[in-house]
Amino acid sequence: MNLQYTHNYLGVMNQYMYYTDTGSGDVALSFKSMPSDLGSLGMGLSYQTFKNTLMSFNYMYSQGSNSYNSNTLSANLSVNF
């Protein structure tokens, strides 16, 4: 289980994006303002076999100021050889 709180004291965040244009169409981007206060709650499940193969599944929900919210799902597989 994961619980965290973040506060941005400076109110400034730089975001950079790089891409290569394939010429196949238009690119439209929309950015929401980043929250100054952000709280997150996550939970996950991990399983490790006797041969050191590790599988994990995780979910995290985040909510913050400026009507910001985010849902994240992740799955990981790690194999030692």
N, C-alpha and C. Protein backbone atom coordinates (compact mmCIF):
# COMPACT_ATOMS: atom_id res chain seq x y z
N MET A 1 0.85 -1.17 0.00
CA MET A 1 0.00 0.00 0.00
C MET A 1 0.90 1.24 0.00
N ASN A 2 0.47 2.26 -0.69
CA ASN A 2 1.25 3.48 -0.87
C ASN A 2 0.33 4.67 -0.59
N LEU A 3 0.78 5.57 0.27
CA LEU A 3 0.05 6.80 0.57
C LEU A 3 1.06 7.94 0.56
N GLN A 4 0.78 9.00 -0.20
CA GLN A 4 1.73 10.11 -0.26
C GLN A 4 1.00 11.43 -0.45
N TYR A 5 1.65 12.52 0.00
CA TYR A 5 1.14 13.87 -0.16
C TYR A 5 2.28 14.73 -0.69
N THR A 6 1.99 15.57 -1.67
CA THR A 6 3.00 16.44 -2.27
C THR A 6 2.47 17.87 -2.31
N HIS A 7 3.34 18.83 -2.01
CA HIS A 7 2.99 20.24 -2.14
C HIS A 7 4.08 20.95 -2.93
N ASN A 8 3.70 21.68 -3.96
CA ASN A 8 4.62 22.43 -4.79
C ASN A 8 4.70 23.85 -4.24
N TYR A 9 5.79 24.17 -3.53
CA TYR A 9 5.93 25.49 -2.91
C TYR A 9 6.22 26.59 -3.92
N LEU A 10 6.92 26.29 -4.99
CA LEU A 10 7.32 27.32 -5.94
C LEU A 10 6.24 27.63 -6.97
N GLY A 11 5.34 26.71 -7.22
CA GLY A 11 4.29 26.93 -8.19
C GLY A 11 4.76 26.89 -9.63
N VAL A 12 5.97 26.37 -9.87
CA VAL A 12 6.54 26.33 -11.21
C VAL A 12 6.94 24.89 -11.53
N MET A 13 6.59 24.45 -12.71
CA MET A 13 7.02 23.13 -13.16
C MET A 13 7.31 23.22 -14.64
N ASN A 14 8.48 22.82 -15.05
CA ASN A 14 8.85 22.84 -16.47
C ASN A 14 8.54 21.49 -17.08
N GLN A 15 7.90 21.51 -18.22
CA GLN A 15 7.61 20.28 -18.96
C GLN A 15 8.20 20.42 -20.35
N TYR A 16 8.89 19.38 -20.78
CA TYR A 16 9.50 19.36 -22.10
C TYR A 16 8.97 18.15 -22.86
N MET A 17 8.76 18.33 -24.16
CA MET A 17 8.31 17.23 -24.99
C MET A 17 9.05 17.28 -26.31
N TYR A 18 9.53 16.15 -26.73
CA TYR A 18 10.23 16.04 -28.01
C TYR A 18 9.52 14.97 -28.84
N TYR A 19 9.39 15.21 -30.13
CA TYR A 19 8.76 14.23 -31.00
C TYR A 19 9.31 14.35 -32.40
N THR A 20 9.07 13.31 -33.17
CA THR A 20 9.45 13.32 -34.58
C THR A 20 8.18 13.33 -35.41
N ASP A 21 8.08 14.26 -36.33
CA ASP A 21 6.90 14.39 -37.17
C ASP A 21 6.99 13.40 -38.32
N THR A 22 5.99 12.53 -38.40
CA THR A 22 5.96 11.55 -39.50
C THR A 22 5.25 12.10 -40.73
N GLY A 23 4.65 13.28 -40.59
CA GLY A 23 3.98 13.88 -41.73
C GLY A 23 2.63 13.25 -42.04
N SER A 24 2.12 12.39 -41.16
CA SER A 24 0.88 11.68 -41.46
C SER A 24 -0.36 12.39 -40.94
N GLY A 25 -0.21 13.48 -40.21
CA GLY A 25 -1.39 14.17 -39.72
C GLY A 25 -1.04 15.23 -38.70
N ASP A 26 -2.08 15.87 -38.17
CA ASP A 26 -1.89 16.92 -37.17
C ASP A 26 -1.69 16.33 -35.79
N VAL A 27 -1.01 17.07 -34.94
CA VAL A 27 -0.81 16.69 -33.55
C VAL A 27 -1.50 17.73 -32.68
N ALA A 28 -2.41 17.28 -31.81
CA ALA A 28 -3.11 18.19 -30.91
C ALA A 28 -2.75 17.82 -29.48
N LEU A 29 -2.35 18.79 -28.68
CA LEU A 29 -1.97 18.57 -27.29
C LEU A 29 -2.82 19.43 -26.38
N SER A 30 -3.15 18.91 -25.22
CA SER A 30 -3.90 19.67 -24.23
C SER A 30 -3.24 19.43 -22.88
N PHE A 31 -2.89 20.49 -22.18
CA PHE A 31 -2.24 20.38 -20.88
C PHE A 31 -3.12 21.04 -19.82
N LYS A 32 -3.33 20.33 -18.73
CA LYS A 32 -4.01 20.91 -17.58
C LYS A 32 -2.94 21.49 -16.67
N SER A 33 -3.31 22.49 -15.90
CA SER A 33 -2.34 23.03 -14.95
C SER A 33 -2.07 21.99 -13.87
N MET A 34 -0.82 21.93 -13.44
CA MET A 34 -0.43 20.97 -12.41
C MET A 34 -0.92 21.46 -11.05
N PRO A 35 -1.32 20.55 -10.20
CA PRO A 35 -1.82 20.96 -8.88
C PRO A 35 -0.68 21.41 -7.97
N SER A 36 -1.02 22.32 -7.05
CA SER A 36 -0.03 22.70 -6.05
C SER A 36 -0.07 21.73 -4.87
N ASP A 37 -1.20 21.07 -4.66
CA ASP A 37 -1.33 20.04 -3.64
C ASP A 37 -1.81 18.77 -4.31
N LEU A 38 -1.17 17.66 -3.97
CA LEU A 38 -1.49 16.38 -4.62
C LEU A 38 -1.42 15.26 -3.59
N GLY A 39 -2.48 14.47 -3.53
CA GLY A 39 -2.51 13.29 -2.66
C GLY A 39 -2.70 12.05 -3.50
N SER A 40 -2.02 10.98 -3.15
CA SER A 40 -2.10 9.73 -3.92
C SER A 40 -2.29 8.55 -2.98
N LEU A 41 -3.06 7.58 -3.46
CA LEU A 41 -3.26 6.33 -2.73
C LEU A 41 -3.10 5.20 -3.72
N GLY A 42 -2.24 4.25 -3.41
CA GLY A 42 -2.00 3.15 -4.32
C GLY A 42 -1.97 1.83 -3.59
N MET A 43 -2.26 0.78 -4.33
CA MET A 43 -2.17 -0.56 -3.78
C MET A 43 -1.72 -1.51 -4.87
N GLY A 44 -1.09 -2.57 -4.46
CA GLY A 44 -0.57 -3.51 -5.45
C GLY A 44 -0.44 -4.90 -4.88
N LEU A 45 -0.17 -5.82 -5.77
CA LEU A 45 0.00 -7.22 -5.42
C LEU A 45 1.23 -7.73 -6.14
N SER A 46 2.12 -8.38 -5.41
CA SER A 46 3.35 -8.94 -5.99
C SER A 46 3.44 -10.42 -5.66
N TYR A 47 4.00 -11.17 -6.60
CA TYR A 47 4.20 -12.62 -6.40
C TYR A 47 5.58 -12.98 -6.92
N GLN A 48 6.35 -13.69 -6.10
CA GLN A 48 7.69 -14.12 -6.49
C GLN A 48 7.76 -15.63 -6.41
N THR A 49 8.24 -16.24 -7.50
CA THR A 49 8.37 -17.70 -7.53
C THR A 49 9.70 -18.11 -6.89
N PHE A 50 9.88 -19.39 -6.69
CA PHE A 50 11.11 -19.90 -6.12
C PHE A 50 12.31 -19.72 -7.06
N LYS A 51 12.05 -19.53 -8.34
CA LYS A 51 13.14 -19.32 -9.31
C LYS A 51 13.36 -17.83 -9.59
N ASN A 52 12.94 -16.98 -8.66
CA ASN A 52 13.15 -15.53 -8.71
C ASN A 52 12.48 -14.83 -9.88
N THR A 53 11.36 -15.31 -10.31
CA THR A 53 10.52 -14.58 -11.26
C THR A 53 9.53 -13.76 -10.43
N LEU A 54 9.45 -12.47 -10.72
CA LEU A 54 8.61 -11.58 -9.94
C LEU A 54 7.54 -10.97 -10.84
N MET A 55 6.28 -11.03 -10.41
CA MET A 55 5.16 -10.42 -11.11
C MET A 55 4.49 -9.46 -10.15
N SER A 56 4.13 -8.28 -10.63
CA SER A 56 3.43 -7.32 -9.78
C SER A 56 2.38 -6.56 -10.59
N PHE A 57 1.28 -6.25 -9.92
CA PHE A 57 0.18 -5.48 -10.48
C PHE A 57 -0.14 -4.36 -9.49
N ASN A 58 -0.22 -3.13 -9.99
CA ASN A 58 -0.40 -1.98 -9.11
C ASN A 58 -1.46 -1.02 -9.65
N TYR A 59 -2.15 -0.35 -8.73
CA TYR A 59 -3.12 0.69 -9.06
C TYR A 59 -2.84 1.90 -8.18
N MET A 60 -2.90 3.10 -8.76
CA MET A 60 -2.73 4.32 -7.97
C MET A 60 -3.75 5.36 -8.40
N TYR A 61 -4.39 5.98 -7.42
CA TYR A 61 -5.33 7.08 -7.66
C TYR A 61 -4.73 8.35 -7.06
N SER A 62 -4.74 9.43 -7.82
CA SER A 62 -4.22 10.71 -7.35
C SER A 62 -5.27 11.79 -7.56
N GLN A 63 -5.36 12.69 -6.59
CA GLN A 63 -6.28 13.82 -6.70
C GLN A 63 -5.60 15.03 -6.10
N GLY A 64 -5.80 16.18 -6.77
CA GLY A 64 -5.15 17.39 -6.28
C GLY A 64 -5.96 18.63 -6.58
N SER A 65 -5.36 19.76 -6.26
CA SER A 65 -6.01 21.05 -6.53
C SER A 65 -6.12 21.26 -8.04
N ASN A 66 -6.83 22.29 -8.44
CA ASN A 66 -7.08 22.62 -9.86
C ASN A 66 -7.84 21.50 -10.57
N SER A 67 -8.70 20.78 -9.85
CA SER A 67 -9.52 19.69 -10.41
C SER A 67 -8.69 18.59 -11.05
N TYR A 68 -7.49 18.38 -10.55
CA TYR A 68 -6.60 17.35 -11.10
C TYR A 68 -6.94 15.99 -10.50
N ASN A 69 -7.04 14.96 -11.36
CA ASN A 69 -7.13 13.59 -10.89
C ASN A 69 -6.49 12.66 -11.90
N SER A 70 -6.01 11.52 -11.42
CA SER A 70 -5.29 10.60 -12.28
C SER A 70 -5.48 9.18 -11.76
N ASN A 71 -5.63 8.23 -12.67
CA ASN A 71 -5.68 6.81 -12.36
C ASN A 71 -4.55 6.12 -13.11
N THR A 72 -3.81 5.27 -12.42
CA THR A 72 -2.67 4.59 -13.04
C THR A 72 -2.74 3.10 -12.75
N LEU A 73 -2.62 2.30 -13.80
CA LEU A 73 -2.50 0.85 -13.68
C LEU A 73 -1.13 0.45 -14.22
N SER A 74 -0.47 -0.47 -13.52
CA SER A 74 0.81 -0.95 -14.04
C SER A 74 0.94 -2.44 -13.75
N ALA A 75 1.64 -3.12 -14.65
CA ALA A 75 1.95 -4.55 -14.50
C ALA A 75 3.42 -4.73 -14.84
N ASN A 76 4.13 -5.49 -14.03
CA ASN A 76 5.56 -5.71 -14.23
C ASN A 76 5.87 -7.20 -14.14
N LEU A 77 6.83 -7.60 -14.95
CA LEU A 77 7.34 -8.97 -14.93
C LEU A 77 8.85 -8.90 -14.96
N SER A 78 9.50 -9.55 -14.00
CA SER A 78 10.94 -9.55 -13.91
C SER A 78 11.41 -11.01 -13.83
N VAL A 79 12.35 -11.34 -14.73
CA VAL A 79 12.87 -12.71 -14.79
C VAL A 79 14.38 -12.65 -14.69
N ASN A 80 14.94 -13.39 -13.75
CA ASN A 80 16.40 -13.48 -13.61
C ASN A 80 16.90 -14.68 -14.40
N PHE A 81 17.98 -14.48 -15.15
CA PHE A 81 18.58 -15.59 -15.90
C PHE A 81 20.07 -15.47 -15.89
